[in-house]
C-alpha atoms as a PDB file:
ATOM      1  CA  MET A   1      -2.179-304.263  24.228  1.00  0.00           C
ATOM      2  CA  LYS A   2      -3.823-306.909  26.391  1.00  0.00           C
ATOM      3  CA  ARG A   3      -0.898-309.250  25.860  1.00  0.00           C
ATOM      4  CA  PHE A   4       1.520-306.765  27.449  1.00  0.00           C
ATOM      5  CA  ASN A   5      -1.053-305.327  29.884  1.00  0.00           C
ATOM      6  CA  LEU A   6      -0.809-301.849  28.345  1.00  0.00           C
ATOM      7  CA  PRO A   7      -3.500-299.210  28.765  1.00  0.00           C
ATOM      8  CA  LEU A   8      -5.772-298.522  25.822  1.00  0.00           C
ATOM      9  CA  LEU A   9      -4.844-295.368  23.937  1.00  0.00           C
ATOM     10  CA  THR A  10      -6.908-293.280  21.601  1.00  0.00           C
ATOM     11  CA  PHE A  11      -5.280-292.035  18.419  1.00  0.00           C
ATOM     12  CA  HIS A  12      -4.927-288.625  20.069  1.00  0.00           C
ATOM     13  CA  GLY A  13      -3.334-290.259  23.111  1.00  0.00           C
ATOM     14  CA  LEU A  14      -0.872-292.058  20.879  1.00  0.00           C
ATOM     15  CA  ARG A  15       0.080-288.766  19.217  1.00  0.00           C
ATOM     16  CA  GLN A  16       0.539-287.131  22.629  1.00  0.00           C
ATOM     17  CA  THR A  17       2.675-290.047  23.799  1.00  0.00           C
ATOM     18  CA  TYR A  18       4.757-289.947  20.636  1.00  0.00           C
ATOM     19  CA  ALA A  19       5.366-286.195  20.934  1.00  0.00           C
ATOM     20  CA  SER A  20       6.235-286.443  24.632  1.00  0.00           C
ATOM     21  CA  TYR A  21       8.637-289.304  23.942  1.00  0.00           C
ATOM     22  CA  MET A  22      10.341-287.437  21.095  1.00  0.00           C
ATOM     23  CA  ILE A  23      10.731-284.358  23.303  1.00  0.00           C
ATOM     24  CA  SER A  24      12.240-286.505  26.066  1.00  0.00           C
ATOM     25  CA  LYS A  25      14.797-287.699  23.501  1.00  0.00           C
ATOM     26  CA  ASN A  26      15.605-284.077  22.543  1.00  0.00           C
ATOM     27  CA  VAL A  27      14.186-284.330  19.029  1.00  0.00           C
ATOM     28  CA  HIS A  28      13.916-280.856  17.518  1.00  0.00           C
ATOM     29  CA  PHE A  29      10.410-279.367  17.598  1.00  0.00           C
ATOM     30  CA  LYS A  30      10.543-278.716  13.848  1.00  0.00           C
ATOM     31  CA  ILE A  31      10.884-282.440  13.196  1.00  0.00           C
ATOM     32  CA  ILE A  32       8.033-283.212  15.608  1.00  0.00           C
ATOM     33  CA  GLN A  33       5.902-280.578  13.873  1.00  0.00           C
ATOM     34  CA  GLU A  34       6.490-282.124  10.462  1.00  0.00           C
ATOM     35  CA  GLN A  35       5.938-285.695  11.638  1.00  0.00           C
ATOM     36  CA  LEU A  36       2.658-284.814  13.366  1.00  0.00           C
ATOM     37  CA  GLY A  37       1.487-282.843  10.334  1.00  0.00           C
ATOM     38  CA  HIS A  38       1.114-279.457  12.027  1.00  0.00           C
ATOM     39  CA  THR A  39       1.140-276.541   9.605  1.00  0.00           C
ATOM     40  CA  ASN A  40       3.459-274.448  11.745  1.00  0.00           C
ATOM     41  CA  ILE A  41       5.845-274.919  14.639  1.00  0.00           C
ATOM     42  CA  LYS A  42       3.663-272.909  17.048  1.00  0.00           C
ATOM     43  CA  GLN A  43       1.249-275.820  17.508  1.00  0.00           C
ATOM     44  CA  PRO A  44       3.710-278.340  18.988  1.00  0.00           C
ATOM     45  CA  LEU A  45       5.576-275.610  20.870  1.00  0.00           C
ATOM     46  CA  ASN A  46       2.399-274.337  22.513  1.00  0.00           C
ATOM     47  CA  THR A  47       1.137-277.848  23.206  1.00  0.00           C
ATOM     48  CA  TYR A  48       4.266-279.570  24.499  1.00  0.00           C
ATOM     49  CA  SER A  49       6.757-276.928  25.658  1.00  0.00           C
ATOM     50  CA  HIS A  50       5.335-277.083  29.188  1.00  0.00           C
ATOM     51  CA  LEU A  51       7.106-280.401  29.740  1.00  0.00           C
ATOM     52  CA  THR A  52       9.783-280.105  32.391  1.00  0.00           C
ATOM     53  CA  GLU A  53      12.955-282.126  32.688  1.00  0.00           C
ATOM     54  CA  GLN A  54      11.181-284.273  35.302  1.00  0.00           C
ATOM     55  CA  ASP A  55       8.316-284.883  32.870  1.00  0.00           C
ATOM     56  CA  LYS A  56      10.827-285.971  30.240  1.00  0.00           C
ATOM     57  CA  ILE A  57      12.394-288.440  32.654  1.00  0.00           C
ATOM     58  CA  LYS A  58       8.990-289.865  33.576  1.00  0.00           C
ATOM     59  CA  ALA A  59       8.053-290.281  29.912  1.00  0.00           C
ATOM     60  CA  SER A  60      11.204-292.170  29.011  1.00  0.00           C
ATOM     61  CA  ASP A  61      10.913-294.315  32.159  1.00  0.00           C
ATOM     62  CA  LEU A  62       7.486-295.487  30.972  1.00  0.00           C
ATOM     63  CA  PHE A  63       9.048-296.882  27.813  1.00  0.00           C
ATOM     64  CA  ASP A  64      11.827-298.568  29.816  1.00  0.00           C
ATOM     65  CA  GLU A  65       9.160-300.534  31.704  1.00  0.00           C
ATOM     66  CA  ILE A  66       8.037-302.144  28.443  1.00  0.00           C
ATOM     67  CA  LEU A  67      11.335-303.958  28.084  1.00  0.00           C
END
């Protein structure tokens, strides 16, 4: 992370980033639910459905900066 000057992330932060990124790429919530290990789809829907289209654009732009 130091090599690429990236911010430190906790495990929870990494999960949040992963979920946000998958949502920005229009991955179905059921797949996100299964990959994150939630027992039902309500958890990721309640946690991440507040993301707007602008939030999705911002999230994917962050990953573009890595390249």
